[in-house]
């Protein structure tokens, strides 16, 4: 009986740790801004950052800011920053 109780406790602890490590879902505002940015930057992504996805694609867009269309630059400037930090100043 003690072994079963111990296994149950270990299983519960392991599942709690796994749930705690899951990243939080993006806010509705972040999802809407991301969708708007993807739509505005579609052509720029295909021409400048082809084959990249996720963080690599966002990094590529930031690194190639000078090559982006005005609509894409505007949409990227409106993206909320993690932790509520303000967007970087435009150059």
N, C-alpha and C. Protein backbone atom coordinates (compact mmCIF):
# COMPACT_ATOMS: atom_id res chain seq x y z
N UNK A 1 0.82 -1.20 0.00
CA UNK A 1 0.00 0.00 0.00
C UNK A 1 0.86 1.26 0.00
N UNK A 2 1.95 1.24 0.77
CA UNK A 2 2.83 2.41 0.81
C UNK A 2 3.45 2.69 -0.55
N UNK A 3 3.78 1.66 -1.30
CA UNK A 3 4.40 1.84 -2.61
C UNK A 3 3.42 2.52 -3.56
N UNK A 4 2.15 2.10 -3.51
CA UNK A 4 1.14 2.71 -4.37
C UNK A 4 0.94 4.18 -4.02
N UNK A 5 0.93 4.49 -2.76
CA UNK A 5 0.77 5.88 -2.31
C UNK A 5 1.97 6.71 -2.75
N UNK A 6 3.15 6.14 -2.62
CA UNK A 6 4.35 6.84 -3.02
C UNK A 6 4.35 7.10 -4.53
N UNK A 7 3.97 6.10 -5.32
CA UNK A 7 3.91 6.27 -6.77
C UNK A 7 2.88 7.32 -7.17
N UNK A 8 1.76 7.35 -6.49
CA UNK A 8 0.74 8.35 -6.76
C UNK A 8 1.27 9.75 -6.47
N UNK A 9 1.95 9.92 -5.36
CA UNK A 9 2.52 11.22 -5.00
C UNK A 9 3.57 11.67 -6.02
N UNK A 10 4.42 10.77 -6.44
CA UNK A 10 5.45 11.10 -7.42
C UNK A 10 4.81 11.48 -8.75
N UNK A 11 3.79 10.74 -9.16
CA UNK A 11 3.08 11.05 -10.41
C UNK A 11 2.43 12.42 -10.36
N UNK A 12 1.78 12.73 -9.26
CA UNK A 12 1.14 14.04 -9.11
C UNK A 12 2.16 15.16 -9.13
N UNK A 13 3.26 14.96 -8.45
CA UNK A 13 4.32 15.97 -8.42
C UNK A 13 4.91 16.18 -9.81
N UNK A 14 5.15 15.10 -10.53
CA UNK A 14 5.72 15.20 -11.88
C UNK A 14 4.76 15.92 -12.82
N UNK A 15 3.48 15.63 -12.72
CA UNK A 15 2.52 16.30 -13.60
C UNK A 15 2.38 17.78 -13.24
N UNK A 16 2.47 18.12 -11.97
CA UNK A 16 2.40 19.52 -11.55
C UNK A 16 3.60 20.30 -12.09
N UNK A 17 4.77 19.70 -12.07
CA UNK A 17 5.97 20.35 -12.59
C UNK A 17 5.84 20.56 -14.10
N UNK A 18 5.32 19.57 -14.81
CA UNK A 18 5.16 19.69 -16.26
C UNK A 18 4.18 20.81 -16.61
N UNK A 19 3.10 20.93 -15.88
CA UNK A 19 2.12 21.99 -16.14
C UNK A 19 2.71 23.35 -15.81
N UNK A 20 3.48 23.44 -14.75
CA UNK A 20 4.07 24.72 -14.34
C UNK A 20 5.09 25.21 -15.36
N UNK A 21 5.70 24.32 -16.13
CA UNK A 21 6.72 24.72 -17.08
C UNK A 21 6.14 25.11 -18.44
N UNK A 22 4.85 24.90 -18.67
CA UNK A 22 4.24 25.26 -19.95
C UNK A 22 4.22 26.78 -20.08
N UNK A 23 4.59 27.31 -21.26
CA UNK A 23 4.59 28.76 -21.43
C UNK A 23 3.16 29.29 -21.42
N UNK A 24 2.98 30.51 -20.93
CA UNK A 24 1.63 31.07 -20.88
C UNK A 24 1.13 31.36 -22.30
N UNK A 25 -0.17 31.27 -22.47
CA UNK A 25 -0.76 31.57 -23.77
C UNK A 25 -0.66 33.07 -24.03
N UNK A 26 -0.46 33.48 -25.28
CA UNK A 26 -0.40 34.91 -25.58
C UNK A 26 -1.75 35.58 -25.31
N UNK A 27 -1.70 36.83 -24.93
CA UNK A 27 -2.93 37.58 -24.66
C UNK A 27 -3.68 37.80 -25.97
N UNK A 28 -4.98 38.09 -25.90
CA UNK A 28 -5.74 38.38 -27.12
C UNK A 28 -5.15 39.56 -27.90
N UNK A 29 -4.64 40.56 -27.18
CA UNK A 29 -4.02 41.71 -27.84
C UNK A 29 -2.78 41.30 -28.62
N UNK A 30 -1.97 40.44 -28.01
CA UNK A 30 -0.76 39.95 -28.66
C UNK A 30 -1.12 39.11 -29.88
N UNK A 31 -2.13 38.25 -29.76
CA UNK A 31 -2.54 37.43 -30.89
C UNK A 31 -3.04 38.30 -32.05
N UNK A 32 -3.84 39.33 -31.74
CA UNK A 32 -4.36 40.21 -32.79
C UNK A 32 -3.23 40.99 -33.46
N UNK A 33 -2.29 41.49 -32.67
CA UNK A 33 -1.16 42.24 -33.23
C UNK A 33 -0.30 41.33 -34.09
N UNK A 34 -0.10 40.10 -33.65
CA UNK A 34 0.71 39.14 -34.40
C UNK A 34 0.04 38.81 -35.75
N UNK A 35 -1.28 38.61 -35.73
CA UNK A 35 -2.00 38.32 -36.97
C UNK A 35 -1.94 39.51 -37.94
N UNK A 36 -2.10 40.73 -37.41
CA UNK A 36 -2.02 41.93 -38.24
C UNK A 36 -0.62 42.08 -38.83
N UNK A 37 0.40 41.81 -38.03
CA UNK A 37 1.78 41.91 -38.50
C UNK A 37 2.07 40.87 -39.57
N UNK A 38 1.58 39.65 -39.37
CA UNK A 38 1.81 38.60 -40.36
C UNK A 38 1.14 38.96 -41.69
N UNK A 39 -0.04 39.55 -41.63
CA UNK A 39 -0.74 39.95 -42.86
C UNK A 39 0.00 41.10 -43.55
N UNK A 40 0.39 42.10 -42.77
CA UNK A 40 1.08 43.26 -43.34
C UNK A 40 2.47 42.91 -43.86
N UNK A 41 3.10 41.92 -43.28
CA UNK A 41 4.48 41.58 -43.63
C UNK A 41 4.59 40.35 -44.52
N UNK A 42 3.48 39.84 -45.01
CA UNK A 42 3.51 38.59 -45.78
C UNK A 42 4.51 38.65 -46.94
N UNK A 43 4.43 39.69 -47.76
CA UNK A 43 5.34 39.80 -48.90
C UNK A 43 6.78 39.97 -48.45
N UNK A 44 6.99 40.74 -47.37
CA UNK A 44 8.35 40.95 -46.85
C UNK A 44 8.94 39.65 -46.32
N UNK A 45 8.11 38.86 -45.67
CA UNK A 45 8.57 37.57 -45.14
C UNK A 45 8.99 36.67 -46.29
N UNK A 46 8.16 36.63 -47.33
CA UNK A 46 8.48 35.76 -48.48
C UNK A 46 9.74 36.21 -49.21
N UNK A 47 9.95 37.53 -49.31
CA UNK A 47 11.11 38.00 -50.07
C UNK A 47 12.38 38.12 -49.24
N UNK A 48 12.26 38.48 -47.98
CA UNK A 48 13.44 38.75 -47.16
C UNK A 48 13.78 37.63 -46.19
N UNK A 49 12.76 36.95 -45.67
CA UNK A 49 12.98 35.94 -44.63
C UNK A 49 12.38 34.59 -45.01
N UNK A 50 12.46 34.25 -46.28
CA UNK A 50 11.90 32.98 -46.77
C UNK A 50 12.49 31.80 -46.01
N UNK A 51 11.64 30.86 -45.67
CA UNK A 51 12.08 29.64 -44.99
C UNK A 51 12.23 29.76 -43.49
N UNK A 52 12.06 30.94 -42.95
CA UNK A 52 12.20 31.12 -41.50
C UNK A 52 10.82 31.17 -40.87
N UNK A 53 10.73 30.65 -39.65
CA UNK A 53 9.46 30.62 -38.92
C UNK A 53 9.70 31.02 -37.47
N UNK A 54 8.61 31.42 -36.82
CA UNK A 54 8.66 31.70 -35.40
C UNK A 54 9.64 32.80 -35.04
N UNK A 55 10.43 32.54 -34.01
CA UNK A 55 11.39 33.54 -33.52
C UNK A 55 12.44 33.91 -34.57
N UNK A 56 12.86 32.93 -35.36
CA UNK A 56 13.85 33.21 -36.41
C UNK A 56 13.29 34.21 -37.42
N UNK A 57 12.00 34.07 -37.75
CA UNK A 57 11.38 34.97 -38.71
C UNK A 57 11.29 36.38 -38.13
N UNK A 58 10.86 36.50 -36.87
CA UNK A 58 10.77 37.81 -36.23
C UNK A 58 12.15 38.45 -36.14
N UNK A 59 13.16 37.67 -35.80
CA UNK A 59 14.52 38.20 -35.72
C UNK A 59 14.99 38.66 -37.10
N UNK A 60 14.68 37.90 -38.14
CA UNK A 60 15.05 38.26 -39.50
C UNK A 60 14.40 39.59 -39.89
N UNK A 61 13.12 39.76 -39.57
CA UNK A 61 12.44 41.00 -39.90
C UNK A 61 13.08 42.18 -39.17
N UNK A 62 13.40 41.99 -37.90
CA UNK A 62 14.04 43.07 -37.13
C UNK A 62 15.42 43.41 -37.70
N UNK A 63 16.18 42.39 -38.09
CA UNK A 63 17.53 42.61 -38.63
C UNK A 63 17.50 43.29 -40.00
N UNK A 64 16.41 43.10 -40.74
CA UNK A 64 16.30 43.65 -42.09
C UNK A 64 15.27 44.77 -42.15
N UNK A 65 15.13 45.50 -41.08
CA UNK A 65 14.11 46.55 -40.97
C UNK A 65 14.18 47.55 -42.12
N UNK A 66 15.36 47.90 -42.55
CA UNK A 66 15.53 48.89 -43.63
C UNK A 66 14.96 48.41 -44.95
N UNK A 67 14.86 47.10 -45.15
CA UNK A 67 14.36 46.54 -46.41
C UNK A 67 12.85 46.35 -46.41
N UNK A 68 12.19 46.54 -45.26
CA UNK A 68 10.77 46.22 -45.14
C UNK A 68 9.88 47.32 -45.70
N UNK A 69 8.67 46.92 -46.11
CA UNK A 69 7.68 47.88 -46.59
C UNK A 69 7.20 48.74 -45.42
N UNK A 70 6.64 49.89 -45.75
CA UNK A 70 6.15 50.80 -44.71
C UNK A 70 5.05 50.15 -43.88
N UNK A 71 4.16 49.39 -44.51
CA UNK A 71 3.08 48.73 -43.78
C UNK A 71 3.60 47.70 -42.79
N UNK A 72 4.62 46.97 -43.20
CA UNK A 72 5.22 45.97 -42.31
C UNK A 72 5.92 46.65 -41.13
N UNK A 73 6.67 47.71 -41.42
CA UNK A 73 7.34 48.44 -40.34
C UNK A 73 6.33 48.98 -39.33
N UNK A 74 5.22 49.52 -39.82
CA UNK A 74 4.19 50.06 -38.95
C UNK A 74 3.57 48.96 -38.08
N UNK A 75 3.27 47.83 -38.70
CA UNK A 75 2.68 46.71 -37.95
C UNK A 75 3.64 46.18 -36.90
N UNK A 76 4.92 46.11 -37.23
CA UNK A 76 5.91 45.63 -36.26
C UNK A 76 6.05 46.61 -35.10
N UNK A 77 5.95 47.91 -35.39
CA UNK A 77 6.06 48.91 -34.33
C UNK A 77 4.90 48.82 -33.35
N UNK A 78 3.77 48.28 -33.80
CA UNK A 78 2.59 48.17 -32.94
C UNK A 78 2.56 46.88 -32.13
N UNK A 79 3.53 46.01 -32.34
CA UNK A 79 3.57 44.75 -31.59
C UNK A 79 3.84 45.02 -30.12
N UNK A 80 3.00 44.48 -29.21
CA UNK A 80 3.27 44.64 -27.78
C UNK A 80 4.57 43.94 -27.41
N UNK A 81 5.27 44.50 -26.46
CA UNK A 81 6.54 43.92 -26.00
C UNK A 81 6.27 43.08 -24.76
N UNK A 82 7.02 41.98 -24.58
CA UNK A 82 6.86 41.18 -23.37
C UNK A 82 7.12 42.03 -22.13
N UNK A 83 6.31 41.85 -21.12
CA UNK A 83 6.47 42.58 -19.87
C UNK A 83 6.01 44.02 -19.95
N UNK A 84 5.38 44.41 -21.06
CA UNK A 84 4.86 45.76 -21.19
C UNK A 84 5.90 46.81 -21.49
N UNK A 85 7.09 46.38 -21.91
CA UNK A 85 8.15 47.34 -22.24
C UNK A 85 7.75 48.13 -23.47
N UNK A 86 8.11 49.40 -23.55
CA UNK A 86 7.76 50.19 -24.73
C UNK A 86 8.54 49.73 -25.95
N UNK A 87 7.97 49.94 -27.15
CA UNK A 87 8.71 49.54 -28.36
C UNK A 87 9.96 50.40 -28.51
N UNK A 88 10.97 49.89 -29.22
CA UNK A 88 12.20 50.67 -29.39
C UNK A 88 11.91 51.92 -30.21
N UNK A 89 12.71 52.94 -29.98
CA UNK A 89 12.54 54.21 -30.69
C UNK A 89 12.87 54.03 -32.16
N UNK A 90 12.12 54.68 -33.02
CA UNK A 90 12.37 54.61 -34.46
C UNK A 90 13.60 55.43 -34.81
N UNK A 91 14.34 54.96 -35.81
CA UNK A 91 15.54 55.68 -36.25
C UNK A 91 15.25 56.43 -37.51
